[in-house]
């Protein structure tokens, strides 16, 4: 029986692919949330569909973040330990850049957990925590460029510029949108359960 040859860089490729995919999903999740809360799409697609997709992409962002972290843990060249990925500024390898990622993971976990239990939490608490998604998007972008090996890739640079333009447009639109056009009291319509 012959063993399948696997690249020594498999874990590194896994970390890179997982990290970029998680970053894209965080961005798309934030964009969908902003489209939902501002009703920028004017009913097409429906708010229920936007909410369902928003939740789905948020869940995928968590999964690909776990893939990213697993890839970093498995990589033998970078040699990160659990503490390096759990404590900001602990890593010897690019400590500041990794700190952005560590803090972003904590924000992501807080956002996802409170979203899962939002019906059991005070609305103001949920909204305050959920609003940190804007910071999460910015932190993941800083982390991607400060720590990532793809920051010189032109496609990644254009993606970041596109994300920045979309984010800026949606935030400006939200800031100047009269409150009567926003979802009433921040209430989202019920969406079908995932799965």
Protein backbone atom coordinates (compact mmCIF):
# COMPACT_ATOMS: atom_id res chain seq x y z
CA UNK A 1 0.00 0.00 0.00
CA UNK A 2 1.38 3.39 -0.97
CA UNK A 3 0.93 6.53 1.07
CA UNK A 4 -0.38 9.59 -0.71
CA UNK A 5 2.24 12.30 -0.89
CA UNK A 6 0.96 15.46 0.75
CA UNK A 7 2.66 18.79 0.41
CA UNK A 8 4.55 19.93 3.50
CA UNK A 9 2.81 23.24 2.94
CA UNK A 10 -0.72 21.78 3.17
CA UNK A 11 -1.39 23.35 6.58
CA UNK A 12 -0.09 26.71 5.39
CA UNK A 13 -2.31 26.59 2.29
CA UNK A 14 -5.23 25.58 4.52
CA UNK A 15 -4.57 28.54 6.84
CA UNK A 16 -4.33 30.98 3.92
CA UNK A 17 -7.43 29.70 2.13
CA UNK A 18 -9.43 29.50 5.36
CA UNK A 19 -8.39 33.00 6.39
CA UNK A 20 -9.19 34.64 3.06
CA UNK A 21 -12.52 32.83 2.84
CA UNK A 22 -13.42 33.82 6.42
CA UNK A 23 -12.54 37.46 5.64
CA UNK A 24 -14.73 37.45 2.52
CA UNK A 25 -17.59 35.87 4.47
CA UNK A 26 -17.29 38.40 7.32
CA UNK A 27 -17.44 41.21 4.75
CA UNK A 28 -20.43 39.73 2.94
CA UNK A 29 -22.23 39.05 6.23
CA UNK A 30 -21.79 42.69 7.27
CA UNK A 31 -22.92 43.91 3.84
CA UNK A 32 -26.03 41.71 3.94
CA UNK A 33 -26.82 42.92 7.45
CA UNK A 34 -26.52 46.53 6.32
CA UNK A 35 -28.70 45.86 3.28
CA UNK A 36 -31.26 44.29 5.58
CA UNK A 37 -31.28 47.06 8.18
CA UNK A 38 -31.40 49.88 5.61
CA UNK A 39 -33.74 48.18 3.14
CA UNK A 40 -31.43 49.43 0.40
CA UNK A 41 -32.75 46.66 -1.89
CA UNK A 42 -36.32 47.97 -1.55
CA UNK A 43 -37.96 44.58 -1.01
CA UNK A 44 -36.18 42.56 -3.71
CA UNK A 45 -34.81 40.27 -2.42
CA UNK A 46 -37.13 40.01 0.54
CA UNK A 47 -35.96 40.89 4.06
CA UNK A 48 -36.57 37.27 5.15
CA UNK A 49 -34.27 36.00 2.39
CA UNK A 50 -31.60 38.59 3.26
CA UNK A 51 -31.78 37.62 6.94
CA UNK A 52 -31.53 33.92 6.15
CA UNK A 53 -28.48 34.50 3.93
CA UNK A 54 -26.98 36.86 6.54
CA UNK A 55 -27.23 34.14 9.19
CA UNK A 56 -25.91 31.45 6.86
CA UNK A 57 -22.86 33.48 5.84
CA UNK A 58 -22.17 34.38 9.48
CA UNK A 59 -22.13 30.67 10.34
CA UNK A 60 -19.83 29.92 7.40
CA UNK A 61 -17.50 32.72 8.52
CA UNK A 62 -17.15 30.97 11.88
CA UNK A 63 -16.46 27.62 10.20
CA UNK A 64 -13.77 29.06 7.92
CA UNK A 65 -12.22 30.92 10.85
CA UNK A 66 -11.88 27.54 12.59
CA UNK A 67 -10.29 26.15 9.39
CA UNK A 68 -7.89 29.14 9.38
CA UNK A 69 -6.91 28.57 13.02
CA UNK A 70 -6.53 24.80 12.49
CA UNK A 71 -4.25 25.46 9.53
CA UNK A 72 -2.11 27.80 11.62
CA UNK A 73 -1.92 25.26 14.45
CA UNK A 74 -0.90 22.48 12.05
CA UNK A 75 1.73 24.46 10.19
CA UNK A 76 5.24 23.41 11.25
CA UNK A 77 7.05 26.49 9.93
CA UNK A 78 5.16 29.25 11.74
CA UNK A 79 4.91 27.16 14.96
CA UNK A 80 2.02 28.95 16.67
CA UNK A 81 0.73 27.62 19.96
CA UNK A 82 -2.78 27.84 21.41
CA UNK A 83 -1.71 30.79 23.59
CA UNK A 84 -0.44 32.64 20.49
CA UNK A 85 -3.90 32.35 18.96
CA UNK A 86 -5.81 33.13 22.16
CA UNK A 87 -3.85 35.95 23.81
CA UNK A 88 -3.30 39.21 21.92
CA UNK A 89 0.40 40.17 21.52
CA UNK A 90 1.58 36.75 22.80
CA UNK A 91 2.93 35.41 19.50
CA UNK A 92 6.55 35.96 18.52
CA UNK A 93 5.54 35.92 14.82
CA UNK A 94 3.97 39.30 13.90
CA UNK A 95 2.43 39.87 17.35
CA UNK A 96 0.57 43.06 16.46
CA UNK A 97 -0.84 41.64 13.25
CA UNK A 98 -1.97 38.45 14.98
CA UNK A 99 -3.50 40.46 17.84
CA UNK A 100 -5.99 41.97 15.36
CA UNK A 101 -7.03 38.45 14.41
CA UNK A 102 -7.28 37.23 18.00
CA UNK A 103 -9.50 40.14 19.02
CA UNK A 104 -11.58 39.68 15.86
CA UNK A 105 -12.20 36.04 16.80
CA UNK A 106 -13.46 37.10 20.24
CA UNK A 107 -15.80 39.63 18.62
CA UNK A 108 -17.02 37.04 16.14
CA UNK A 109 -17.78 34.55 18.92
CA UNK A 110 -19.66 37.22 20.91
CA UNK A 111 -21.69 38.25 17.86
CA UNK A 112 -22.53 34.68 16.87
CA UNK A 113 -23.43 33.50 20.39
CA UNK A 114 -25.64 36.49 21.12
CA UNK A 115 -27.30 36.07 17.73
CA UNK A 116 -28.11 32.45 18.52
CA UNK A 117 -29.67 33.53 21.82
CA UNK A 118 -31.06 36.91 20.75
CA UNK A 119 -34.64 35.98 21.70
CA UNK A 120 -33.45 35.48 25.29
CA UNK A 121 -31.43 38.71 25.56
CA UNK A 122 -32.47 42.32 26.06
CA UNK A 123 -32.78 43.92 22.63
CA UNK A 124 -30.39 46.79 23.48
CA UNK A 125 -27.68 44.35 24.63
CA UNK A 126 -28.02 42.28 21.47
CA UNK A 127 -27.94 45.38 19.26
CA UNK A 128 -24.86 46.79 21.04
CA UNK A 129 -22.95 43.54 20.62
CA UNK A 130 -24.17 43.02 17.05
CA UNK A 131 -23.01 46.54 16.14
CA UNK A 132 -19.44 45.45 16.84
CA UNK A 133 -19.66 43.59 13.51
CA UNK A 134 -18.46 46.82 11.87
CA UNK A 135 -15.32 46.69 14.02
CA UNK A 136 -15.01 42.98 13.25
CA UNK A 137 -14.97 43.73 9.52
CA UNK A 138 -12.31 46.42 9.97
CA UNK A 139 -10.19 44.22 12.27
CA UNK A 140 -10.27 41.26 9.90
CA UNK A 141 -9.22 43.54 7.05
CA UNK A 142 -6.30 44.96 9.06
CA UNK A 143 -5.35 41.42 10.15
CA UNK A 144 -5.48 40.14 6.56
CA UNK A 145 -3.09 42.83 5.35
CA UNK A 146 -0.79 42.97 8.38
CA UNK A 147 -0.40 39.22 8.91
CA UNK A 148 -1.43 37.71 5.60
CA UNK A 149 0.95 36.47 2.96
CA UNK A 150 -1.50 37.51 0.23
CA UNK A 151 -1.32 41.26 0.88
CA UNK A 152 0.80 41.83 -2.25
CA UNK A 153 -1.66 39.89 -4.42
CA UNK A 154 -3.39 42.35 -6.78
CA UNK A 155 -6.69 40.43 -6.65
CA UNK A 156 -6.69 40.62 -2.84
CA UNK A 157 -5.86 44.33 -2.97
CA UNK A 158 -8.74 44.99 -5.38
CA UNK A 159 -11.04 42.90 -3.22
CA UNK A 160 -10.11 45.01 -0.20
CA UNK A 161 -10.72 48.23 -2.14
CA UNK A 162 -14.08 46.90 -3.33
CA UNK A 163 -15.02 45.89 0.21
CA UNK A 164 -14.03 49.33 1.49
CA UNK A 165 -16.15 51.05 -1.17
CA UNK A 166 -19.20 48.88 -0.49
CA UNK A 167 -18.82 49.26 3.28
CA UNK A 168 -18.43 53.04 3.00
CA UNK A 169 -21.45 53.35 0.70
CA UNK A 170 -23.68 51.26 2.98
CA UNK A 171 -22.53 53.09 6.13
CA UNK A 172 -23.11 56.52 4.54
CA UNK A 173 -26.48 55.35 3.22
CA UNK A 174 -27.38 54.12 6.70
CA UNK A 175 -26.23 57.36 8.36
CA UNK A 176 -28.38 59.54 6.11
CA UNK A 177 -31.37 57.21 5.81
CA UNK A 178 -34.45 58.64 7.51
CA UNK A 179 -35.49 56.38 10.37
CA UNK A 180 -38.93 55.78 8.86
CA UNK A 181 -37.27 53.73 6.11
CA UNK A 182 -35.39 51.46 8.49
CA UNK A 183 -36.82 48.31 9.94
CA UNK A 184 -39.23 49.26 12.71
CA UNK A 185 -37.53 49.20 16.10
CA UNK A 186 -34.74 47.20 14.54
CA UNK A 187 -37.07 44.19 14.40
CA UNK A 188 -36.16 41.66 11.78
CA UNK A 189 -38.82 39.48 10.19
CA UNK A 190 -38.76 35.83 11.12
CA UNK A 191 -36.79 33.80 8.64
CA UNK A 192 -37.07 30.09 8.05
CA UNK A 193 -34.76 28.05 10.25
CA UNK A 194 -31.45 27.06 8.72
CA UNK A 195 -30.84 23.44 7.89
